[in-house]
N, C-alpha and C. Protein backbone atom coordinates (compact mmCIF):
# COMPACT_ATOMS: atom_id res chain seq x y z
N UNK A 1 0.84 -1.18 0.00
CA UNK A 1 0.00 0.00 0.00
C UNK A 1 0.89 1.25 0.00
N UNK A 2 0.61 2.17 -0.91
CA UNK A 2 1.38 3.42 -0.99
C UNK A 2 0.91 4.41 0.06
N UNK A 3 1.89 5.11 0.59
CA UNK A 3 1.54 6.18 1.53
C UNK A 3 0.88 7.32 0.76
N UNK A 4 -0.17 7.92 1.29
CA UNK A 4 -0.81 9.03 0.58
C UNK A 4 0.08 10.27 0.59
N UNK A 5 -0.07 11.08 -0.45
CA UNK A 5 0.63 12.36 -0.50
C UNK A 5 -0.02 13.32 0.48
N UNK A 6 0.81 14.17 1.08
CA UNK A 6 0.34 15.17 2.04
C UNK A 6 0.74 16.56 1.55
N UNK A 7 -0.23 17.46 1.57
CA UNK A 7 0.04 18.87 1.25
C UNK A 7 -0.11 19.67 2.53
N UNK A 8 0.83 20.58 2.77
CA UNK A 8 0.79 21.47 3.93
C UNK A 8 0.62 22.89 3.40
N UNK A 9 -0.43 23.57 3.89
CA UNK A 9 -0.75 24.92 3.41
C UNK A 9 -0.84 25.88 4.59
N UNK A 10 -0.26 27.06 4.44
CA UNK A 10 -0.39 28.11 5.44
C UNK A 10 -1.75 28.75 5.24
N UNK A 11 -2.64 28.64 6.24
CA UNK A 11 -4.02 29.10 6.09
C UNK A 11 -4.36 30.35 6.89
N UNK A 12 -3.54 30.72 7.88
CA UNK A 12 -3.85 31.89 8.69
C UNK A 12 -2.61 32.32 9.47
N UNK A 13 -2.64 33.54 9.97
CA UNK A 13 -1.55 34.05 10.82
C UNK A 13 -2.19 34.77 12.00
N UNK A 14 -1.79 34.41 13.21
CA UNK A 14 -2.35 35.00 14.42
C UNK A 14 -1.40 35.99 15.09
N UNK A 15 -0.12 35.91 14.82
CA UNK A 15 0.86 36.77 15.47
C UNK A 15 0.93 38.16 14.86
N UNK A 16 1.65 39.04 15.52
CA UNK A 16 1.75 40.43 15.09
C UNK A 16 2.84 40.66 14.06
N UNK A 17 3.79 39.77 13.96
CA UNK A 17 4.91 39.94 13.04
C UNK A 17 4.79 38.99 11.86
N UNK A 18 5.49 39.33 10.79
CA UNK A 18 5.54 38.44 9.64
C UNK A 18 6.43 37.25 9.93
N UNK A 19 6.31 36.25 9.11
CA UNK A 19 7.09 35.03 9.26
C UNK A 19 8.56 35.31 8.98
N UNK A 20 9.44 34.88 9.88
CA UNK A 20 10.87 35.09 9.69
C UNK A 20 11.42 34.27 8.52
N UNK A 21 10.68 33.25 8.10
CA UNK A 21 11.10 32.41 6.97
C UNK A 21 10.50 32.92 5.65
N UNK A 22 9.60 33.91 5.76
CA UNK A 22 9.02 34.51 4.56
C UNK A 22 7.76 33.83 4.04
N UNK A 23 7.19 32.92 4.81
CA UNK A 23 5.96 32.25 4.38
C UNK A 23 4.78 33.22 4.41
N UNK A 24 3.88 33.05 3.46
CA UNK A 24 2.68 33.87 3.36
C UNK A 24 1.45 32.99 3.31
N UNK A 25 0.32 33.52 3.75
CA UNK A 25 -0.93 32.77 3.68
C UNK A 25 -1.16 32.33 2.24
N UNK A 26 -1.49 31.07 2.09
CA UNK A 26 -1.70 30.48 0.77
C UNK A 26 -0.53 29.65 0.27
N UNK A 27 0.65 29.82 0.86
CA UNK A 27 1.80 29.00 0.47
C UNK A 27 1.51 27.53 0.78
N UNK A 28 1.83 26.66 -0.17
CA UNK A 28 1.61 25.22 0.00
C UNK A 28 2.91 24.46 -0.28
N UNK A 29 3.05 23.32 0.38
CA UNK A 29 4.25 22.51 0.27
C UNK A 29 3.86 21.04 0.18
N UNK A 30 4.45 20.33 -0.78
CA UNK A 30 4.30 18.89 -0.85
C UNK A 30 5.24 18.30 0.20
N UNK A 31 4.70 17.54 1.12
CA UNK A 31 5.51 17.03 2.22
C UNK A 31 6.70 16.22 1.73
N UNK A 32 6.52 15.43 0.70
CA UNK A 32 7.59 14.55 0.23
C UNK A 32 8.67 15.27 -0.57
N UNK A 33 8.30 16.26 -1.35
CA UNK A 33 9.27 16.88 -2.26
C UNK A 33 9.68 18.30 -1.89
N UNK A 34 8.92 18.97 -1.02
CA UNK A 34 9.20 20.37 -0.70
C UNK A 34 9.32 20.66 0.80
N UNK A 35 9.40 19.62 1.60
CA UNK A 35 9.43 19.87 3.04
C UNK A 35 10.66 20.68 3.48
N UNK A 36 11.74 20.64 2.71
CA UNK A 36 12.91 21.44 3.03
C UNK A 36 12.67 22.93 2.86
N UNK A 37 11.61 23.29 2.15
CA UNK A 37 11.25 24.70 1.97
C UNK A 37 10.42 25.23 3.13
N UNK A 38 9.86 24.34 3.92
CA UNK A 38 9.02 24.72 5.05
C UNK A 38 9.89 25.05 6.26
N UNK A 39 9.52 26.06 6.99
CA UNK A 39 10.24 26.47 8.19
C UNK A 39 10.51 25.26 9.09
N UNK A 40 11.73 25.10 9.58
CA UNK A 40 12.03 23.94 10.43
C UNK A 40 11.19 23.88 11.71
N UNK A 41 10.83 25.03 12.27
CA UNK A 41 9.98 24.99 13.47
C UNK A 41 8.59 24.45 13.13
N UNK A 42 8.02 24.90 12.02
CA UNK A 42 6.71 24.40 11.60
C UNK A 42 6.80 22.92 11.24
N UNK A 43 7.88 22.53 10.57
CA UNK A 43 8.07 21.14 10.19
C UNK A 43 8.13 20.23 11.41
N UNK A 44 8.77 20.72 12.45
CA UNK A 44 8.88 19.95 13.70
C UNK A 44 7.49 19.64 14.26
N UNK A 45 6.60 20.61 14.17
CA UNK A 45 5.23 20.42 14.66
C UNK A 45 4.42 19.57 13.67
N UNK A 46 4.65 19.76 12.38
CA UNK A 46 3.87 19.07 11.35
C UNK A 46 4.10 17.56 11.34
N UNK A 47 5.32 17.14 11.59
CA UNK A 47 5.68 15.74 11.39
C UNK A 47 4.75 14.75 12.10
N UNK A 48 4.41 14.92 13.38
CA UNK A 48 3.52 13.93 14.00
C UNK A 48 2.13 13.89 13.37
N UNK A 49 1.64 15.05 12.94
CA UNK A 49 0.33 15.09 12.29
C UNK A 49 0.37 14.37 10.94
N UNK A 50 1.43 14.58 10.18
CA UNK A 50 1.59 13.90 8.90
C UNK A 50 1.62 12.39 9.13
N UNK A 51 2.35 11.94 10.12
CA UNK A 51 2.40 10.51 10.43
C UNK A 51 1.02 9.97 10.78
N UNK A 52 0.28 10.69 11.59
CA UNK A 52 -1.08 10.26 11.97
C UNK A 52 -1.94 10.11 10.73
N UNK A 53 -1.93 11.13 9.87
CA UNK A 53 -2.76 11.09 8.66
C UNK A 53 -2.33 9.98 7.71
N UNK A 54 -1.04 9.84 7.51
CA UNK A 54 -0.53 8.85 6.56
C UNK A 54 -0.84 7.42 6.94
N UNK A 55 -0.92 7.15 8.22
CA UNK A 55 -1.10 5.77 8.64
C UNK A 55 -2.50 5.49 9.17
N UNK A 56 -3.47 6.29 8.66
CA UNK A 56 -4.88 5.97 8.90
C UNK A 56 -5.52 6.59 10.11
N UNK A 57 -4.80 7.40 10.85
CA UNK A 57 -5.39 8.02 12.03
C UNK A 57 -6.16 9.29 11.68
N UNK A 58 -6.79 9.85 12.69
CA UNK A 58 -7.51 11.11 12.50
C UNK A 58 -7.29 11.98 13.73
N UNK A 59 -7.52 13.26 13.55
CA UNK A 59 -7.36 14.24 14.62
C UNK A 59 -8.74 14.55 15.18
N UNK A 60 -8.99 14.33 16.47
CA UNK A 60 -10.31 14.61 17.03
C UNK A 60 -10.76 16.04 16.75
N UNK A 61 -12.00 16.17 16.30
CA UNK A 61 -12.59 17.49 16.06
C UNK A 61 -12.21 18.12 14.73
N UNK A 62 -11.43 17.41 13.90
CA UNK A 62 -11.04 17.95 12.61
C UNK A 62 -11.57 17.05 11.50
N UNK A 63 -11.85 17.63 10.33
CA UNK A 63 -12.36 16.81 9.23
C UNK A 63 -11.41 15.66 8.89
N UNK A 64 -11.98 14.56 8.45
CA UNK A 64 -11.20 13.38 8.05
C UNK A 64 -10.14 13.76 7.03
N UNK A 65 -8.93 13.29 7.24
CA UNK A 65 -7.85 13.53 6.30
C UNK A 65 -7.17 14.88 6.43
N UNK A 66 -7.47 15.62 7.50
CA UNK A 66 -6.84 16.93 7.70
C UNK A 66 -6.33 17.08 9.13
N UNK A 67 -5.37 17.98 9.28
CA UNK A 67 -4.85 18.33 10.60
C UNK A 67 -4.43 19.80 10.55
N UNK A 68 -4.97 20.59 11.44
CA UNK A 68 -4.61 22.01 11.53
C UNK A 68 -3.70 22.17 12.75
N UNK A 69 -2.59 22.89 12.55
CA UNK A 69 -1.62 23.08 13.62
C UNK A 69 -0.96 24.44 13.47
N UNK A 70 -0.29 24.87 14.53
CA UNK A 70 0.36 26.19 14.54
C UNK A 70 1.87 26.06 14.64
N UNK A 71 2.53 27.03 14.03
CA UNK A 71 3.96 27.21 14.20
C UNK A 71 4.23 27.59 15.66
N UNK A 72 5.32 27.15 16.25
CA UNK A 72 5.59 27.47 17.65
C UNK A 72 6.18 28.86 17.89
N UNK A 73 6.40 29.66 16.84
CA UNK A 73 6.97 30.99 16.99
C UNK A 73 5.91 31.95 17.53
N UNK A 74 6.03 32.37 18.78
CA UNK A 74 5.02 33.20 19.44
C UNK A 74 4.83 34.56 18.78
N UNK A 75 5.84 35.05 18.07
CA UNK A 75 5.71 36.34 17.39
C UNK A 75 4.94 36.22 16.08
N UNK A 76 4.89 35.03 15.51
CA UNK A 76 4.28 34.85 14.20
C UNK A 76 2.98 34.06 14.29
N UNK A 77 3.01 32.91 14.91
CA UNK A 77 1.88 31.99 15.03
C UNK A 77 1.20 31.74 13.68
N UNK A 78 1.93 31.18 12.75
CA UNK A 78 1.34 30.75 11.49
C UNK A 78 0.49 29.51 11.73
N UNK A 79 -0.66 29.46 11.08
CA UNK A 79 -1.57 28.31 11.18
C UNK A 79 -1.51 27.55 9.86
N UNK A 80 -1.20 26.28 9.95
CA UNK A 80 -1.05 25.42 8.78
C UNK A 80 -2.12 24.34 8.77
N UNK A 81 -2.42 23.86 7.57
CA UNK A 81 -3.31 22.70 7.43
C UNK A 81 -2.56 21.63 6.64
N UNK A 82 -2.49 20.44 7.20
CA UNK A 82 -1.96 19.28 6.49
C UNK A 82 -3.17 18.49 6.00
N UNK A 83 -3.11 18.04 4.76
CA UNK A 83 -4.24 17.28 4.23
C UNK A 83 -3.76 16.21 3.27
N UNK A 84 -4.49 15.10 3.29
CA UNK A 84 -4.21 14.01 2.37
C UNK A 84 -4.67 14.43 0.99
N UNK A 85 -3.78 14.24 0.02
CA UNK A 85 -4.11 14.55 -1.37
C UNK A 85 -4.56 13.26 -2.05
N UNK A 86 -5.73 13.29 -2.61
CA UNK A 86 -6.27 12.12 -3.31
C UNK A 86 -5.70 12.11 -4.73
N UNK A 87 -4.98 11.06 -5.08
CA UNK A 87 -4.41 10.93 -6.41
C UNK A 87 -5.43 10.35 -7.36
N UNK A 88 -5.49 10.91 -8.54
CA UNK A 88 -6.48 10.46 -9.52
C UNK A 88 -5.88 9.47 -10.49
């Protein structure tokens, strides 16, 4: 069984400052091929959610196949969504 592709998208910003890595709302990253472009702090938080989604788990209170999480930078607080991409 192939692991599903995961897309990570910046969907909101709660902090007062811009992202020190230069990410903007709407930026998307393919977890497998572009994860090196994603801020390492956000990636650190994303990894467990990606694992949960890839191996059939779900996040309580969130739609099936998605996980919303925040960057740990208190000045920025970028909000990301990880989602399973359905291949056609």
